[in-house]
C-alpha atoms as a PDB file:
ATOM      1  CA  MET A   1    -106.307  32.033  -5.032  1.00  0.00           C
ATOM      2  CA  SER A   2    -105.355  28.476  -4.416  1.00  0.00           C
ATOM      3  CA  SER A   3    -103.729  26.855  -1.096  1.00  0.00           C
ATOM      4  CA  ARG A   4    -100.543  26.605  -3.068  1.00  0.00           C
ATOM      5  CA  ASP A   5    -100.330  30.528  -3.252  1.00  0.00           C
ATOM      6  CA  MET A   6    -100.917  31.191  -0.059  1.00  0.00           C
ATOM      7  CA  ASP A   7     -98.547  31.837   2.711  1.00  0.00           C
ATOM      8  CA  LYS A   8     -97.828  28.935   4.863  1.00  0.00           C
ATOM      9  CA  PHE A   9     -96.211  28.498   8.289  1.00  0.00           C
ATOM     10  CA  VAL A  10     -95.578  25.763  10.781  1.00  0.00           C
ATOM     11  CA  MET A  11     -97.398  26.601  14.084  1.00  0.00           C
ATOM     12  CA  ARG A  12     -96.641  24.636  17.749  1.00  0.00           C
ATOM     13  CA  LEU A  13     -99.411  24.617  19.877  1.00  0.00           C
ATOM     14  CA  PRO A  14     -99.767  23.791  23.430  1.00  0.00           C
ATOM     15  CA  ASP A  15    -100.591  20.317  24.904  1.00  0.00           C
ATOM     16  CA  GLY A  16    -104.179  19.966  24.221  1.00  0.00           C
ATOM     17  CA  LEU A  17    -104.863  22.645  22.032  1.00  0.00           C
ATOM     18  CA  ARG A  18    -104.789  20.916  19.197  1.00  0.00           C
ATOM     19  CA  ASP A  19    -107.744  18.796  20.296  1.00  0.00           C
ATOM     20  CA  ARG A  20    -109.631  21.424  21.007  1.00  0.00           C
ATOM     21  CA  VAL A  21    -109.207  23.208  17.589  1.00  0.00           C
ATOM     22  CA  GLN A  22    -110.249  19.808  16.197  1.00  0.00           C
ATOM     23  CA  ALA A  23    -113.077  19.391  17.983  1.00  0.00           C
ATOM     24  CA  GLN A  24    -114.308  22.993  16.903  1.00  0.00           C
ATOM     25  CA  ALA A  25    -113.701  22.124  13.511  1.00  0.00           C
ATOM     26  CA  LYS A  26    -115.776  18.792  13.320  1.00  0.00           C
ATOM     27  CA  ALA A  27    -118.480  21.237  15.393  1.00  0.00           C
ATOM     28  CA  THR A  28    -118.347  23.421  12.905  1.00  0.00           C
ATOM     29  CA  HIS A  29    -118.206  21.027   9.738  1.00  0.00           C
ATOM     30  CA  SER A  30    -115.407  22.907   8.841  1.00  0.00           C
ATOM     31  CA  SER A  31    -111.312  22.358   8.663  1.00  0.00           C
ATOM     32  CA  MET A  32    -108.421  22.888  11.704  1.00  0.00           C
ATOM     33  CA  ASN A  33    -107.108  25.906   8.914  1.00  0.00           C
ATOM     34  CA  THR A  34    -110.569  27.532   8.607  1.00  0.00           C
ATOM     35  CA  VAL A  35    -110.826  27.428  12.559  1.00  0.00           C
ATOM     36  CA  LEU A  36    -107.393  28.927  13.469  1.00  0.00           C
ATOM     37  CA  VAL A  37    -107.970  31.283  10.869  1.00  0.00           C
ATOM     38  CA  GLN A  38    -111.147  32.374  11.945  1.00  0.00           C
ATOM     39  CA  ALA A  39    -109.599  32.641  15.640  1.00  0.00           C
ATOM     40  CA  VAL A  40    -106.506  35.001  14.247  1.00  0.00           C
ATOM     41  CA  GLU A  41    -108.753  37.321  12.350  1.00  0.00           C
ATOM     42  CA  SER A  42    -111.350  37.466  15.551  1.00  0.00           C
ATOM     43  CA  TYR A  43    -107.913  38.280  17.828  1.00  0.00           C
ATOM     44  CA  LEU A  44    -107.039  40.988  15.679  1.00  0.00           C
ATOM     45  CA  GLU A  45    -110.004  42.732  15.086  1.00  0.00           C
ATOM     46  CA  GLY A  46    -111.030  42.625  19.072  1.00  0.00           C
ATOM     47  CA  HIS A  47    -107.115  43.903  19.505  1.00  0.00           C
ATOM     48  CA  PHE A  48    -108.028  46.792  16.545  1.00  0.00           C
ATOM     49  CA  GLU A  49    -111.606  47.485  18.303  1.00  0.00           C
ATOM     50  CA  LEU A  50    -109.975  47.714  21.865  1.00  0.00           C
ATOM     51  CA  ARG A  51    -107.697  50.386  20.547  1.00  0.00           C
ATOM     52  CA  LEU A  52    -110.006  52.750  19.193  1.00  0.00           C
ATOM     53  CA  THR A  53    -112.006  52.577  22.318  1.00  0.00           C
ATOM     54  CA  ILE A  54    -109.158  53.425  24.585  1.00  0.00           C
ATOM     55  CA  ASP A  55    -108.121  56.244  22.134  1.00  0.00           C
ATOM     56  CA  ALA A  56    -111.346  57.794  22.043  1.00  0.00           C
ATOM     57  CA  LEU A  57    -111.915  57.148  25.423  1.00  0.00           C
ATOM     58  CA  LYS A  58    -108.395  59.031  26.106  1.00  0.00           C
ATOM     59  CA  THR A  59    -109.924  62.179  23.806  1.00  0.00           C
ATOM     60  CA  GLN A  60    -112.655  62.079  25.994  1.00  0.00           C
ATOM     61  CA  GLN A  61    -111.003  62.603  29.250  1.00  0.00           C
ATOM     62  CA  THR A  62    -108.420  65.167  27.596  1.00  0.00           C
ATOM     63  CA  GLN A  63    -111.211  66.946  26.377  1.00  0.00           C
ATOM     64  CA  THR A  64    -113.423  66.958  29.923  1.00  0.00           C
ATOM     65  CA  GLN A  65    -109.936  68.059  31.810  1.00  0.00           C
END
């Protein structure tokens, strides 16, 4: 898929965040877009795993009562 076919949107960044993203991109020899996409994917995956853990704990708590 070419970049012309991908979804695009404008993102507002808090002061200093653009510089941090740019520094990370430079350090990893990647683009700022790659850093941001990886950060969003990591965030979403973490929340999914957290939700699974919470659900498992609730199930375990219910079963022990």
